[in-house]
Amino acid sequence: MTDGLVKISILDAEGTETSLKLPLDISMNLMEVLKGEGYPVEAVCGGMALCATCRIRILEGGEQLPPRNDAEEDMLDTLPDTEPEHRLACQISDFSKIDGMRFQLDPAE
């Protein structure tokens, strides 16, 4: 973390990895940031953890995040192929925890 910015990397469905620098104090969740950056994140429920269309895979740094909350856990449990490294981007909003992390967009997106 430098100058109030965090750096993350996003691997898209085509295999292209892009680094993003985000303000530490941004008042958005990761799903909103990804949509704003033009990534194809559906986010059907608007960030309420009700649809899982913002599911991402954590490639590096998952130990930095707090455990899934109940709503996130319940939604991910409805999907047959959910693995421990899957999270809902709409539920990641504490950017002080994501510096240096690598994420992969869900190939289904």
C-alpha atoms as a PDB file:
ATOM      1  CA  MET A   1       0.000   0.000   0.000  1.00  0.00           C
ATOM      2  CA  THR A   2       1.516   3.290  -1.074  1.00  0.00           C
ATOM      3  CA  ASP A   3       0.131   6.816  -1.072  1.00  0.00           C
ATOM      4  CA  GLY A   4      -3.321   5.634  -0.027  1.00  0.00           C
ATOM      5  CA  LEU A   5      -3.597   3.242  -2.979  1.00  0.00           C
ATOM      6  CA  VAL A   6      -3.953  -0.521  -3.126  1.00  0.00           C
ATOM      7  CA  LYS A   7      -2.879  -2.583  -6.110  1.00  0.00           C
ATOM      8  CA  ILE A   8      -4.757  -5.665  -7.278  1.00  0.00           C
ATOM      9  CA  SER A   9      -4.561  -7.840 -10.385  1.00  0.00           C
ATOM     10  CA  ILE A  10      -7.506  -9.150 -12.396  1.00  0.00           C
ATOM     11  CA  LEU A  11      -7.281 -12.137 -14.738  1.00  0.00           C
ATOM     12  CA  ASP A  12     -10.089 -11.976 -17.294  1.00  0.00           C
ATOM     13  CA  ALA A  13     -11.773 -14.778 -19.253  1.00  0.00           C
ATOM     14  CA  GLU A  14      -9.325 -14.345 -22.152  1.00  0.00           C
ATOM     15  CA  GLY A  15      -6.356 -14.880 -19.833  1.00  0.00           C
ATOM     16  CA  THR A  16      -5.255 -11.240 -19.807  1.00  0.00           C
ATOM     17  CA  GLU A  17      -4.043 -10.010 -16.431  1.00  0.00           C
ATOM     18  CA  THR A  18      -4.415  -6.322 -15.628  1.00  0.00           C
ATOM     19  CA  SER A  19      -3.229  -4.399 -12.579  1.00  0.00           C
ATOM     20  CA  LEU A  20      -5.510  -1.831 -10.999  1.00  0.00           C
ATOM     21  CA  LYS A  21      -4.586   0.827  -8.461  1.00  0.00           C
ATOM     22  CA  LEU A  22      -7.501   1.787  -6.249  1.00  0.00           C
ATOM     23  CA  PRO A  23      -7.913   4.414  -3.535  1.00  0.00           C
ATOM     24  CA  LEU A  24      -7.837   2.819  -0.110  1.00  0.00           C
ATOM     25  CA  ASP A  25     -10.822   4.874   1.032  1.00  0.00           C
ATOM     26  CA  ILE A  26     -13.030   4.223  -2.016  1.00  0.00           C
ATOM     27  CA  SER A  27     -16.695   3.848  -1.067  1.00  0.00           C
ATOM     28  CA  MET A  28     -17.433   0.983  -3.457  1.00  0.00           C
ATOM     29  CA  ASN A  29     -17.219  -2.774  -3.289  1.00  0.00           C
ATOM     30  CA  LEU A  30     -15.041  -4.833  -5.624  1.00  0.00           C
ATOM     31  CA  MET A  31     -17.996  -5.712  -7.871  1.00  0.00           C
ATOM     32  CA  GLU A  32     -18.730  -2.017  -8.451  1.00  0.00           C
ATOM     33  CA  VAL A  33     -15.073  -1.337  -9.221  1.00  0.00           C
ATOM     34  CA  LEU A  34     -14.918  -4.207 -11.720  1.00  0.00           C
ATOM     35  CA  LYS A  35     -18.070  -3.001 -13.478  1.00  0.00           C
ATOM     36  CA  GLY A  36     -16.705   0.542 -13.534  1.00  0.00           C
ATOM     37  CA  GLU A  37     -13.498  -0.716 -15.135  1.00  0.00           C
ATOM     38  CA  GLY A  38     -15.532  -2.377 -17.894  1.00  0.00           C
ATOM     39  CA  TYR A  39     -15.263  -6.008 -16.812  1.00  0.00           C
ATOM     40  CA  PRO A  40     -18.263  -8.189 -17.776  1.00  0.00           C
ATOM     41  CA  VAL A  41     -19.705  -8.631 -14.291  1.00  0.00           C
ATOM     42  CA  GLU A  42     -23.485  -9.045 -14.431  1.00  0.00           C
ATOM     43  CA  ALA A  43     -24.278  -8.255 -10.798  1.00  0.00           C
ATOM     44  CA  VAL A  44     -27.962  -9.013 -11.337  1.00  0.00           C
ATOM     45  CA  CYS A  45     -28.919  -8.386  -7.693  1.00  0.00           C
ATOM     46  CA  GLY A  46     -26.981  -5.131  -7.441  1.00  0.00           C
ATOM     47  CA  GLY A  47     -24.627  -6.304  -4.724  1.00  0.00           C
ATOM     48  CA  MET A  48     -27.015  -7.935  -2.261  1.00  0.00           C
ATOM     49  CA  ALA A  49     -25.353 -11.405  -2.334  1.00  0.00           C
ATOM     50  CA  LEU A  50     -28.513 -12.867  -3.883  1.00  0.00           C
ATOM     51  CA  CYS A  51     -27.391 -14.020  -7.335  1.00  0.00           C
ATOM     52  CA  ALA A  52     -23.675 -14.990  -7.441  1.00  0.00           C
ATOM     53  CA  THR A  53     -23.228 -13.339 -10.860  1.00  0.00           C
ATOM     54  CA  CYS A  54     -20.223 -11.459  -9.446  1.00  0.00           C
ATOM     55  CA  ARG A  55     -18.431 -14.613  -8.311  1.00  0.00           C
ATOM     56  CA  ILE A  56     -14.659 -14.402  -8.568  1.00  0.00           C
ATOM     57  CA  ARG A  57     -11.784 -16.735  -7.740  1.00  0.00           C
ATOM     58  CA  ILE A  58      -8.985 -15.598  -5.482  1.00  0.00           C
ATOM     59  CA  LEU A  59      -5.658 -16.597  -6.997  1.00  0.00           C
ATOM     60  CA  GLU A  60      -3.394 -14.996  -4.372  1.00  0.00           C
ATOM     61  CA  GLY A  61      -3.889 -13.333  -1.021  1.00  0.00           C
ATOM     62  CA  GLY A  62      -7.130 -14.935   0.124  1.00  0.00           C
ATOM     63  CA  GLU A  63      -5.817 -15.240   3.657  1.00  0.00           C
ATOM     64  CA  GLN A  64      -5.937 -11.432   3.885  1.00  0.00           C
ATOM     65  CA  LEU A  65      -9.737 -11.371   3.686  1.00  0.00           C
ATOM     66  CA  PRO A  66     -12.145 -12.034   6.532  1.00  0.00           C
ATOM     67  CA  PRO A  67     -14.220 -15.226   6.227  1.00  0.00           C
ATOM     68  CA  ARG A  68     -17.344 -15.191   4.076  1.00  0.00           C
ATOM     69  CA  ASN A  69     -20.359 -13.674   5.809  1.00  0.00           C
ATOM     70  CA  ASP A  70     -23.554 -15.734   6.160  1.00  0.00           C
ATOM     71  CA  ALA A  71     -25.264 -14.263   3.072  1.00  0.00           C
ATOM     72  CA  GLU A  72     -22.206 -14.883   0.907  1.00  0.00           C
ATOM     73  CA  GLU A  73     -21.760 -18.406   2.247  1.00  0.00           C
ATOM     74  CA  ASP A  74     -25.439 -19.233   1.689  1.00  0.00           C
ATOM     75  CA  MET A  75     -25.374 -17.968  -1.908  1.00  0.00           C
ATOM     76  CA  LEU A  76     -22.138 -19.737  -2.825  1.00  0.00           C
ATOM     77  CA  ASP A  77     -23.472 -22.963  -1.272  1.00  0.00           C
ATOM     78  CA  THR A  78     -26.226 -23.000  -3.917  1.00  0.00           C
ATOM     79  CA  LEU A  79     -23.675 -23.370  -6.723  1.00  0.00           C
ATOM     80  CA  PRO A  80     -22.475 -26.895  -7.515  1.00  0.00           C
ATOM     81  CA  ASP A  81     -18.891 -25.956  -8.376  1.00  0.00           C
ATOM     82  CA  THR A  82     -18.004 -23.514  -5.592  1.00  0.00           C
ATOM     83  CA  GLU A  83     -14.536 -23.941  -4.141  1.00  0.00           C
ATOM     84  CA  PRO A  84     -12.990 -22.355  -1.034  1.00  0.00           C
ATOM     85  CA  GLU A  85     -11.231 -19.688  -3.108  1.00  0.00           C
ATOM     86  CA  HIS A  86     -14.497 -18.396  -4.599  1.00  0.00           C
ATOM     87  CA  ARG A  87     -15.939 -15.163  -3.242  1.00  0.00           C
ATOM     88  CA  LEU A  88     -18.645 -12.710  -4.253  1.00  0.00           C
ATOM     89  CA  ALA A  89     -17.029  -9.472  -5.416  1.00  0.00           C
ATOM     90  CA  CYS A  90     -19.988  -7.517  -4.027  1.00  0.00           C
ATOM     91  CA  GLN A  91     -19.061  -8.626  -0.517  1.00  0.00           C
ATOM     92  CA  ILE A  92     -15.461  -7.374  -0.685  1.00  0.00           C
ATOM     93  CA  SER A  93     -15.443  -3.751   0.401  1.00  0.00           C
ATOM     94  CA  ASP A  94     -12.577  -3.339   2.897  1.00  0.00           C
ATOM     95  CA  PHE A  95      -9.853  -2.410   0.458  1.00  0.00           C
ATOM     96  CA  SER A  96      -7.237  -2.291   3.234  1.00  0.00           C
ATOM     97  CA  LYS A  97      -7.401  -6.111   3.072  1.00  0.00           C
ATOM     98  CA  ILE A  98      -6.892  -6.600  -0.682  1.00  0.00           C
ATOM     99  CA  ASP A  99      -3.541  -4.964  -1.444  1.00  0.00           C
ATOM    100  CA  GLY A 100      -1.464  -7.259  -3.644  1.00  0.00           C
ATOM    101  CA  MET A 101      -4.267  -9.752  -4.238  1.00  0.00           C
ATOM    102  CA  ARG A 102      -4.904 -11.482  -7.560  1.00  0.00           C
ATOM    103  CA  PHE A 103      -8.450 -12.270  -8.689  1.00  0.00           C
ATOM    104  CA  GLN A 104      -9.868 -14.213 -11.626  1.00  0.00           C
ATOM    105  CA  LEU A 105     -13.240 -13.444 -13.143  1.00  0.00           C
ATOM    106  CA  ASP A 106     -15.595 -16.397 -13.144  1.00  0.00           C
ATOM    107  CA  PRO A 107     -15.360 -17.996 -16.612  1.00  0.00           C
ATOM    108  CA  ALA A 108     -19.177 -18.200 -16.605  1.00  0.00           C
ATOM    109  CA  GLU A 109     -19.306 -14.394 -16.735  1.00  0.00           C
END
